[in-house]
């Protein structure tokens, strides 16, 4: 898994499977795009206009919890 926060583009990209090629993308709601592999599995999620969705304090830090 790879998570990218691009402040210039104001977007968050979460690549769930870094080995599967992306075959199709679908905007499931304005500013939220899912990328699919050949089997129809979601392999990535992109959230655009991040500053409009989350307060500044929440965008400046990221907590990752592994259970």
PDB file of N, CA and C in Angstrom:
ATOM      1  N   UNK A   1       0.846  -1.171   0.000  1.00  0.00           N
ATOM      2  CA  UNK A   1       0.000   0.000   0.000  1.00  0.00           C
ATOM      3  C   UNK A   1       0.893   1.235   0.000  1.00  0.00           C
ATOM      4  N   UNK A   2       0.428   2.248  -0.735  1.00  0.00           N
ATOM      5  CA  UNK A   2       1.168   3.507  -0.789  1.00  0.00           C
ATOM      6  C   UNK A   2       0.154   4.649  -0.687  1.00  0.00           C
ATOM      7  N   UNK A   3       0.438   5.613   0.189  1.00  0.00           N
ATOM      8  CA  UNK A   3      -0.433   6.769   0.378  1.00  0.00           C
ATOM      9  C   UNK A   3       0.346   8.020   0.004  1.00  0.00           C
ATOM     10  N   UNK A   4      -0.248   8.840  -0.864  1.00  0.00           N
ATOM     11  CA  UNK A   4       0.392  10.070  -1.312  1.00  0.00           C
ATOM     12  C   UNK A   4      -0.525  11.245  -1.035  1.00  0.00           C
ATOM     13  N   UNK A   5      -0.005  12.237  -0.349  1.00  0.00           N
ATOM     14  CA  UNK A   5      -0.729  13.488  -0.121  1.00  0.00           C
ATOM     15  C   UNK A   5      -0.047  14.549  -0.970  1.00  0.00           C
ATOM     16  N   UNK A   6      -0.730  15.019  -1.996  1.00  0.00           N
ATOM     17  CA  UNK A   6      -0.170  16.017  -2.893  1.00  0.00           C
ATOM     18  C   UNK A   6      -0.794  17.368  -2.557  1.00  0.00           C
ATOM     19  N   UNK A   7      -0.055  18.194  -1.880  1.00  0.00           N
ATOM     20  CA  UNK A   7      -0.587  19.495  -1.450  1.00  0.00           C
ATOM     21  C   UNK A   7      -0.767  20.448  -2.624  1.00  0.00           C
ATOM     22  N   UNK A   8       0.087  20.338  -3.647  1.00  0.00           N
ATOM     23  CA  UNK A   8      -0.056  21.210  -4.809  1.00  0.00           C
ATOM     24  C   UNK A   8      -1.360  20.928  -5.557  1.00  0.00           C
ATOM     25  N   UNK A   9      -1.715  19.639  -5.687  1.00  0.00           N
ATOM     26  CA  UNK A   9      -2.947  19.253  -6.372  1.00  0.00           C
ATOM     27  C   UNK A   9      -4.142  19.167  -5.431  1.00  0.00           C
ATOM     28  N   UNK A  10      -3.887  19.318  -4.124  1.00  0.00           N
ATOM     29  CA  UNK A  10      -4.935  19.249  -3.109  1.00  0.00           C
ATOM     30  C   UNK A  10      -5.670  17.900  -3.190  1.00  0.00           C
ATOM     31  N   UNK A  11      -4.872  16.817  -3.238  1.00  0.00           N
ATOM     32  CA  UNK A  11      -5.448  15.487  -3.419  1.00  0.00           C
ATOM     33  C   UNK A  11      -4.728  14.448  -2.564  1.00  0.00           C
ATOM     34  N   UNK A  12      -5.492  13.433  -2.178  1.00  0.00           N
ATOM     35  CA  UNK A  12      -4.976  12.278  -1.452  1.00  0.00           C
ATOM     36  C   UNK A  12      -5.161  11.064  -2.339  1.00  0.00           C
ATOM     37  N   UNK A  13      -4.106  10.269  -2.489  1.00  0.00           N
ATOM     38  CA  UNK A  13      -4.164   9.078  -3.339  1.00  0.00           C
ATOM     39  C   UNK A  13      -3.722   7.879  -2.509  1.00  0.00           C
ATOM     40  N   UNK A  14      -4.572   6.889  -2.448  1.00  0.00           N
ATOM     41  CA  UNK A  14      -4.280   5.664  -1.701  1.00  0.00           C
ATOM     42  C   UNK A  14      -4.226   4.517  -2.703  1.00  0.00           C
ATOM     43  N   UNK A  15      -3.051   3.976  -2.895  1.00  0.00           N
ATOM     44  CA  UNK A  15      -2.868   2.842  -3.816  1.00  0.00           C
ATOM     45  C   UNK A  15      -2.864   1.577  -2.964  1.00  0.00           C
ATOM     46  N   UNK A  16      -3.930   0.802  -3.036  1.00  0.00           N
ATOM     47  CA  UNK A  16      -4.088  -0.388  -2.223  1.00  0.00           C
ATOM     48  C   UNK A  16      -3.242  -1.553  -2.723  1.00  0.00           C
ATOM     49  N   UNK A  17      -3.162  -1.702  -4.042  1.00  0.00           N
ATOM     50  CA  UNK A  17      -2.358  -2.768  -4.659  1.00  0.00           C
ATOM     51  C   UNK A  17      -1.427  -2.107  -5.660  1.00  0.00           C
ATOM     52  N   UNK A  18      -0.153  -2.046  -5.324  1.00  0.00           N
ATOM     53  CA  UNK A  18       0.809  -1.342  -6.185  1.00  0.00           C
ATOM     54  C   UNK A  18       1.266  -2.176  -7.373  1.00  0.00           C
ATOM     55  N   UNK A  19       0.878  -3.444  -7.429  1.00  0.00           N
ATOM     56  CA  UNK A  19       1.326  -4.309  -8.524  1.00  0.00           C
ATOM     57  C   UNK A  19       0.286  -4.464  -9.629  1.00  0.00           C
ATOM     58  N   UNK A  20      -0.983  -4.263  -9.323  1.00  0.00           N
ATOM     59  CA  UNK A  20      -2.044  -4.470 -10.319  1.00  0.00           C
ATOM     60  C   UNK A  20      -2.174  -3.253 -11.225  1.00  0.00           C
ATOM     61  N   UNK A  21      -2.227  -3.492 -12.541  1.00  0.00           N
ATOM     62  CA  UNK A  21      -2.436  -2.364 -13.453  1.00  0.00           C
ATOM     63  C   UNK A  21      -3.858  -1.810 -13.315  1.00  0.00           C
ATOM     64  N   UNK A  22      -3.970  -0.506 -13.455  1.00  0.00           N
ATOM     65  CA  UNK A  22      -5.277   0.138 -13.415  1.00  0.00           C
ATOM     66  C   UNK A  22      -5.882   0.057 -14.809  1.00  0.00           C
ATOM     67  N   UNK A  23      -7.065  -0.552 -14.881  1.00  0.00           N
ATOM     68  CA  UNK A  23      -7.742  -0.753 -16.163  1.00  0.00           C
ATOM     69  C   UNK A  23      -8.846   0.276 -16.375  1.00  0.00           C
ATOM     70  N   UNK A  24      -9.504   0.655 -15.294  1.00  0.00           N
ATOM     71  CA  UNK A  24     -10.645   1.557 -15.399  1.00  0.00           C
ATOM     72  C   UNK A  24     -10.721   2.431 -14.160  1.00  0.00           C
ATOM     73  N   UNK A  25     -11.215   3.639 -14.333  1.00  0.00           N
ATOM     74  CA  UNK A  25     -11.433   4.563 -13.214  1.00  0.00           C
ATOM     75  C   UNK A  25     -12.869   5.052 -13.271  1.00  0.00           C
ATOM     76  N   UNK A  26     -13.438   5.275 -12.082  1.00  0.00           N
ATOM     77  CA  UNK A  26     -14.813   5.759 -12.021  1.00  0.00           C
ATOM     78  C   UNK A  26     -14.937   6.791 -10.908  1.00  0.00           C
ATOM     79  N   UNK A  27     -15.491   7.942 -11.250  1.00  0.00           N
ATOM     80  CA  UNK A  27     -15.754   8.962 -10.242  1.00  0.00           C
ATOM     81  C   UNK A  27     -17.084   8.598  -9.580  1.00  0.00           C
ATOM     82  N   UNK A  28     -17.020   8.120  -8.342  1.00  0.00           N
ATOM     83  CA  UNK A  28     -18.204   7.606  -7.660  1.00  0.00           C
ATOM     84  C   UNK A  28     -19.022   8.708  -6.980  1.00  0.00           C
ATOM     85  N   UNK A  29     -18.405   9.819  -6.739  1.00  0.00           N
ATOM     86  CA  UNK A  29     -19.074  11.041  -6.300  1.00  0.00           C
ATOM     87  C   UNK A  29     -18.129  12.163  -6.661  1.00  0.00           C
ATOM     88  N   UNK A  30     -18.605  13.393  -6.716  1.00  0.00           N
ATOM     89  CA  UNK A  30     -17.713  14.474  -7.132  1.00  0.00           C
ATOM     90  C   UNK A  30     -16.423  14.511  -6.308  1.00  0.00           C
ATOM     91  N   UNK A  31     -15.303  14.372  -6.997  1.00  0.00           N
ATOM     92  CA  UNK A  31     -14.003  14.450  -6.352  1.00  0.00           C
ATOM     93  C   UNK A  31     -13.498  13.166  -5.730  1.00  0.00           C
ATOM     94  N   UNK A  32     -14.218  12.061  -5.880  1.00  0.00           N
ATOM     95  CA  UNK A  32     -13.764  10.766  -5.356  1.00  0.00           C
ATOM     96  C   UNK A  32     -13.720   9.774  -6.513  1.00  0.00           C
ATOM     97  N   UNK A  33     -12.510   9.301  -6.807  1.00  0.00           N
ATOM     98  CA  UNK A  33     -12.302   8.411  -7.946  1.00  0.00           C
ATOM     99  C   UNK A  33     -11.772   7.070  -7.459  1.00  0.00           C
ATOM    100  N   UNK A  34     -12.389   5.994  -7.943  1.00  0.00           N
ATOM    101  CA  UNK A  34     -11.902   4.643  -7.658  1.00  0.00           C
ATOM    102  C   UNK A  34     -11.231   4.107  -8.913  1.00  0.00           C
ATOM    103  N   UNK A  35     -10.083   3.461  -8.742  1.00  0.00           N
ATOM    104  CA  UNK A  35      -9.377   2.801  -9.837  1.00  0.00           C
ATOM    105  C   UNK A  35      -9.534   1.302  -9.678  1.00  0.00           C
ATOM    106  N   UNK A  36      -9.817   0.619 -10.785  1.00  0.00           N
ATOM    107  CA  UNK A  36     -10.077  -0.817 -10.779  1.00  0.00           C
ATOM    108  C   UNK A  36      -9.050  -1.570 -11.606  1.00  0.00           C
ATOM    109  N   UNK A  37      -8.777  -2.818 -11.205  1.00  0.00           N
ATOM    110  CA  UNK A  37      -7.907  -3.686 -11.999  1.00  0.00           C
ATOM    111  C   UNK A  37      -8.766  -4.500 -12.965  1.00  0.00           C
ATOM    112  N   UNK A  38      -8.161  -5.432 -13.682  1.00  0.00           N
ATOM    113  CA  UNK A  38      -8.860  -6.233 -14.689  1.00  0.00           C
ATOM    114  C   UNK A  38      -9.948  -7.122 -14.092  1.00  0.00           C
ATOM    115  N   UNK A  39      -9.836  -7.456 -12.814  1.00  0.00           N
ATOM    116  CA  UNK A  39     -10.835  -8.302 -12.146  1.00  0.00           C
ATOM    117  C   UNK A  39     -11.966  -7.483 -11.528  1.00  0.00           C
ATOM    118  N   UNK A  40     -11.899  -6.173 -11.644  1.00  0.00           N
ATOM    119  CA  UNK A  40     -12.925  -5.323 -11.068  1.00  0.00           C
ATOM    120  C   UNK A  40     -12.687  -4.961  -9.617  1.00  0.00           C
ATOM    121  N   UNK A  41     -11.508  -5.312  -9.095  1.00  0.00           N
ATOM    122  CA  UNK A  41     -11.164  -4.964  -7.710  1.00  0.00           C
ATOM    123  C   UNK A  41     -10.732  -3.509  -7.638  1.00  0.00           C
ATOM    124  N   UNK A  42     -11.113  -2.850  -6.545  1.00  0.00           N
ATOM    125  CA  UNK A  42     -10.630  -1.484  -6.303  1.00  0.00           C
ATOM    126  C   UNK A  42      -9.170  -1.577  -5.891  1.00  0.00           C
ATOM    127  N   UNK A  43      -8.293  -0.923  -6.641  1.00  0.00           N
ATOM    128  CA  UNK A  43      -6.867  -0.956  -6.330  1.00  0.00           C
ATOM    129  C   UNK A  43      -6.331   0.410  -5.908  1.00  0.00           C
ATOM    130  N   UNK A  44      -7.172   1.454  -6.056  1.00  0.00           N
ATOM    131  CA  UNK A  44      -6.733   2.779  -5.634  1.00  0.00           C
ATOM    132  C   UNK A  44      -7.941   3.685  -5.416  1.00  0.00           C
ATOM    133  N   UNK A  45      -7.735   4.670  -4.550  1.00  0.00           N
ATOM    134  CA  UNK A  45      -8.766   5.652  -4.233  1.00  0.00           C
ATOM    135  C   UNK A  45      -8.104   7.027  -4.299  1.00  0.00           C
ATOM    136  N   UNK A  46      -8.737   7.941  -5.008  1.00  0.00           N
ATOM    137  CA  UNK A  46      -8.244   9.313  -5.060  1.00  0.00           C
ATOM    138  C   UNK A  46      -9.329  10.240  -4.527  1.00  0.00           C
ATOM    139  N   UNK A  47      -8.940  11.138  -3.631  1.00  0.00           N
ATOM    140  CA  UNK A  47      -9.851  12.141  -3.086  1.00  0.00           C
ATOM    141  C   UNK A  47      -9.308  13.498  -3.500  1.00  0.00           C
ATOM    142  N   UNK A  48     -10.064  14.186  -4.327  1.00  0.00           N
ATOM    143  CA  UNK A  48      -9.667  15.503  -4.816  1.00  0.00           C
ATOM    144  C   UNK A  48     -10.307  16.590  -3.953  1.00  0.00           C
ATOM    145  N   UNK A  49      -9.797  17.808  -4.071  1.00  0.00           N
ATOM    146  CA  UNK A  49     -10.289  18.960  -3.312  1.00  0.00           C
ATOM    147  C   UNK A  49     -10.293  18.641  -1.818  1.00  0.00           C
ATOM    148  N   UNK A  50      -9.191  18.115  -1.365  1.00  0.00           N
ATOM    149  CA  UNK A  50      -9.062  17.670   0.027  1.00  0.00           C
ATOM    150  C   UNK A  50      -9.317  18.798   1.023  1.00  0.00           C
ATOM    151  N   UNK A  51      -8.857  19.998   0.700  1.00  0.00           N
ATOM    152  CA  UNK A  51      -9.015  21.124   1.623  1.00  0.00           C
ATOM    153  C   UNK A  51     -10.475  21.490   1.839  1.00  0.00           C
ATOM    154  N   UNK A  52     -11.347  21.133   0.895  1.00  0.00           N
ATOM    155  CA  UNK A  52     -12.773  21.402   1.052  1.00  0.00           C
ATOM    156  C   UNK A  52     -13.465  20.330   1.893  1.00  0.00           C
ATOM    157  N   UNK A  53     -12.841  19.172   2.035  1.00  0.00           N
ATOM    158  CA  UNK A  53     -13.458  18.037   2.718  1.00  0.00           C
ATOM    159  C   UNK A  53     -13.026  17.886   4.170  1.00  0.00           C
ATOM    160  N   UNK A  54     -11.797  18.326   4.479  1.00  0.00           N
ATOM    161  CA  UNK A  54     -11.252  18.128   5.823  1.00  0.00           C
ATOM    162  C   UNK A  54     -10.663  19.436   6.343  1.00  0.00           C
ATOM    163  N   UNK A  55     -10.858  19.715   7.620  1.00  0.00           N
ATOM    164  CA  UNK A  55     -10.254  20.921   8.210  1.00  0.00           C
ATOM    165  C   UNK A  55      -8.724  20.877   8.108  1.00  0.00           C
ATOM    166  N   UNK A  56      -8.110  22.040   8.097  1.00  0.00           N
ATOM    167  CA  UNK A  56      -6.657  22.142   7.933  1.00  0.00           C
ATOM    168  C   UNK A  56      -5.898  21.309   8.952  1.00  0.00           C
ATOM    169  N   UNK A  57      -6.328  21.294  10.191  1.00  0.00           N
ATOM    170  CA  UNK A  57      -5.634  20.527  11.228  1.00  0.00           C
ATOM    171  C   UNK A  57      -5.609  19.043  10.942  1.00  0.00           C
ATOM    172  N   UNK A  58      -6.646  18.533  10.321  1.00  0.00           N
ATOM    173  CA  UNK A  58      -6.698  17.111   9.996  1.00  0.00           C
ATOM    174  C   UNK A  58      -5.855  16.769   8.774  1.00  0.00           C
ATOM    175  N   UNK A  59      -5.591  17.738   7.909  1.00  0.00           N
ATOM    176  CA  UNK A  59      -4.797  17.484   6.710  1.00  0.00           C
ATOM    177  C   UNK A  59      -3.302  17.528   6.987  1.00  0.00           C
ATOM    178  N   UNK A  60      -2.900  18.152   8.095  1.00  0.00           N
ATOM    179  CA  UNK A  60      -1.485  18.332   8.374  1.00  0.00           C
ATOM    180  C   UNK A  60      -0.855  17.162   9.097  1.00  0.00           C
ATOM    181  N   UNK A  61      -1.647  16.206   9.521  1.00  0.00           N
ATOM    182  CA  UNK A  61      -1.084  15.032  10.168  1.00  0.00           C
ATOM    183  C   UNK A  61      -1.852  13.803   9.716  1.00  0.00           C
ATOM    184  N   UNK A  62      -1.185  12.676   9.778  1.00  0.00           N
ATOM    185  CA  UNK A  62      -1.810  11.434   9.364  1.00  0.00           C
ATOM    186  C   UNK A  62      -1.427  10.357  10.347  1.00  0.00           C
ATOM    187  N   UNK A  63      -2.419   9.699  10.889  1.00  0.00           N
ATOM    188  CA  UNK A  63      -2.190   8.578  11.791  1.00  0.00           C
ATOM    189  C   UNK A  63      -2.547   7.301  11.048  1.00  0.00           C
ATOM    190  N   UNK A  64      -1.653   6.345  11.132  1.00  0.00           N
ATOM    191  CA  UNK A  64      -1.906   5.038  10.529  1.00  0.00           C
ATOM    192  C   UNK A  64      -1.890   4.016  11.654  1.00  0.00           C
ATOM    193  N   UNK A  65      -2.950   3.255  11.748  1.00  0.00           N
ATOM    194  CA  UNK A  65      -3.062   2.254  12.799  1.00  0.00           C
ATOM    195  C   UNK A  65      -3.127   0.868  12.151  1.00  0.00           C
ATOM    196  N   UNK A  66      -2.206   0.022  12.529  1.00  0.00           N
ATOM    197  CA  UNK A  66      -2.209  -1.362  12.067  1.00  0.00           C
ATOM    198  C   UNK A  66      -2.678  -2.248  13.208  1.00  0.00           C
ATOM    199  N   UNK A  67      -3.679  -3.035  12.913  1.00  0.00           N
ATOM    200  CA  UNK A  67      -4.249  -3.904  13.958  1.00  0.00           C
ATOM    201  C   UNK A  67      -3.959  -5.349  13.601  1.00  0.00           C
TER     202      UNK A  67
END
